[in-house]
Protein backbone atom coordinates (compact mmCIF):
# COMPACT_ATOMS: atom_id res chain seq x y z
CA UNK A 1 -75.72 94.17 33.89
CA UNK A 2 -75.18 94.79 37.60
CA UNK A 3 -73.67 98.16 38.50
CA UNK A 4 -73.18 97.25 42.16
CA UNK A 5 -69.63 97.64 43.36
CA UNK A 6 -68.29 94.48 44.93
CA UNK A 7 -65.82 94.87 47.77
CA UNK A 8 -62.29 93.63 47.13
CA UNK A 9 -61.58 90.14 48.31
CA UNK A 10 -59.51 89.62 51.41
CA UNK A 11 -55.93 88.77 50.58
CA UNK A 12 -54.90 87.82 54.08
CA UNK A 13 -56.50 86.63 57.30
CA UNK A 14 -54.80 87.93 60.42
CA UNK A 15 -55.42 85.96 63.62
CA UNK A 16 -54.97 88.00 66.78
CA UNK A 17 -55.02 87.20 70.48
CA UNK A 18 -56.89 89.68 72.74
CA UNK A 19 -53.75 91.58 73.77
CA UNK A 20 -52.70 91.79 70.11
CA UNK A 21 -56.09 93.26 69.17
CA UNK A 22 -55.62 96.02 71.76
CA UNK A 23 -52.11 96.87 70.58
CA UNK A 24 -53.10 96.76 66.90
CA UNK A 25 -56.00 99.08 67.66
CA UNK A 26 -53.60 101.53 69.35
CA UNK A 27 -51.23 101.33 66.39
CA UNK A 28 -54.01 102.09 63.91
CA UNK A 29 -55.25 105.05 65.97
CA UNK A 30 -51.69 106.42 66.02
CA UNK A 31 -51.46 106.03 62.24
CA UNK A 32 -54.78 107.81 61.74
CA UNK A 33 -53.62 110.74 63.85
CA UNK A 34 -50.25 110.90 62.06
CA UNK A 35 -51.81 110.67 58.59
CA UNK A 36 -54.71 113.07 59.15
CA UNK A 37 -54.18 114.64 55.72
CA UNK A 38 -54.43 111.30 53.86
CA UNK A 39 -58.10 110.29 53.50
CA UNK A 40 -57.35 106.94 51.82
CA UNK A 41 -55.01 105.90 54.62
CA UNK A 42 -57.53 106.95 57.26
CA UNK A 43 -60.30 105.04 55.45
CA UNK A 44 -58.26 101.84 55.24
CA UNK A 45 -57.23 102.11 58.89
CA UNK A 46 -60.85 102.60 59.96
CA UNK A 47 -61.88 99.55 57.96
CA UNK A 48 -59.28 97.47 59.81
CA UNK A 49 -60.44 98.93 63.13
CA UNK A 50 -63.98 97.82 62.30
CA UNK A 51 -62.67 94.31 61.62
CA UNK A 52 -60.88 94.28 64.98
CA UNK A 53 -64.26 94.69 66.69
CA UNK A 54 -65.32 91.21 65.54
CA UNK A 55 -66.31 88.66 68.15
CA UNK A 56 -63.47 86.34 69.12
CA UNK A 57 -63.81 82.63 68.45
CA UNK A 58 -64.07 80.02 71.20
CA UNK A 59 -60.29 80.30 71.75
CA UNK A 60 -60.40 84.09 72.13
CA UNK A 61 -58.85 84.71 68.71
CA UNK A 62 -60.14 87.46 66.44
CA UNK A 63 -59.82 86.83 62.71
CA UNK A 64 -59.49 89.94 60.58
CA UNK A 65 -59.83 89.55 56.80
CA UNK A 66 -57.57 92.13 55.17
CA UNK A 67 -57.47 93.39 51.61
CA UNK A 68 -53.98 94.17 50.27
CA UNK A 69 -54.37 97.86 51.14
CA UNK A 70 -55.59 97.09 54.64
CA UNK A 71 -52.70 94.65 55.09
CA UNK A 72 -50.18 97.33 54.14
CA UNK A 73 -51.81 99.90 56.44
CA UNK A 74 -51.83 97.43 59.35
CA UNK A 75 -48.16 96.58 58.80
CA UNK A 76 -47.28 100.27 58.61
CA UNK A 77 -49.24 101.08 61.78
CA UNK A 78 -47.59 98.29 63.77
CA UNK A 79 -44.14 99.43 62.62
CA UNK A 80 -44.96 103.05 63.45
CA UNK A 81 -45.95 102.17 67.01
CA UNK A 82 -42.92 99.89 67.42
CA UNK A 83 -40.62 102.73 66.36
CA UNK A 84 -42.28 105.08 68.89
CA UNK A 85 -41.89 102.80 71.92
CA UNK A 86 -39.20 103.13 74.57
CA UNK A 87 -37.18 100.38 76.26
CA UNK A 88 -39.38 100.36 79.35
CA UNK A 89 -42.29 99.27 77.14
CA UNK A 90 -40.76 95.87 76.46
CA UNK A 91 -44.04 93.96 76.91
CA UNK A 92 -45.78 96.00 74.22
CA UNK A 93 -42.73 95.70 71.95
CA UNK A 94 -42.88 91.93 72.30
CA UNK A 95 -46.56 91.93 71.32
CA UNK A 96 -45.81 94.13 68.29
CA UNK A 97 -43.03 91.80 67.16
CA UNK A 98 -45.47 88.89 67.51
CA UNK A 99 -47.98 90.70 65.29
CA UNK A 100 -45.28 91.44 62.69
CA UNK A 101 -44.33 87.75 62.72
CA UNK A 102 -47.91 86.95 61.66
CA UNK A 103 -47.77 89.35 58.70
CA UNK A 104 -46.06 88.76 55.35
CA UNK A 105 -42.43 89.86 55.06
CA UNK A 106 -41.28 93.38 54.28
CA UNK A 107 -40.77 92.66 50.56
CA UNK A 108 -44.34 91.42 50.12
CA UNK A 109 -45.68 94.48 51.93
CA UNK A 110 -43.61 96.89 49.82
CA UNK A 111 -45.02 95.33 46.66
CA UNK A 112 -48.55 96.39 47.62
CA UNK A 113 -49.60 99.64 45.95
CA UNK A 114 -52.23 101.85 47.53
């Protein structure tokens, strides 16, 4: 019998362009600072941040394999940053909307339990 803990399988593969990686990284850092008292949320966010450091493919796209919890945290972080932006930050808002378009819909995200 093997007592080794196997990591959960990725439920979703998020494909991000370079500018989307930068904005997603900012969103996750904001979430970590806002949720400083929640160690599980911080852990999941840091795991996603580690995935964002992957080398891009030949087209410049970074693929991040996300577990359900990481997917929910990423979605939450992107929404949090989007809600914090002002009108004059339209370019960043457009990037955030593009990232949200790549993620499952709100109902699927709400169904994920942390």
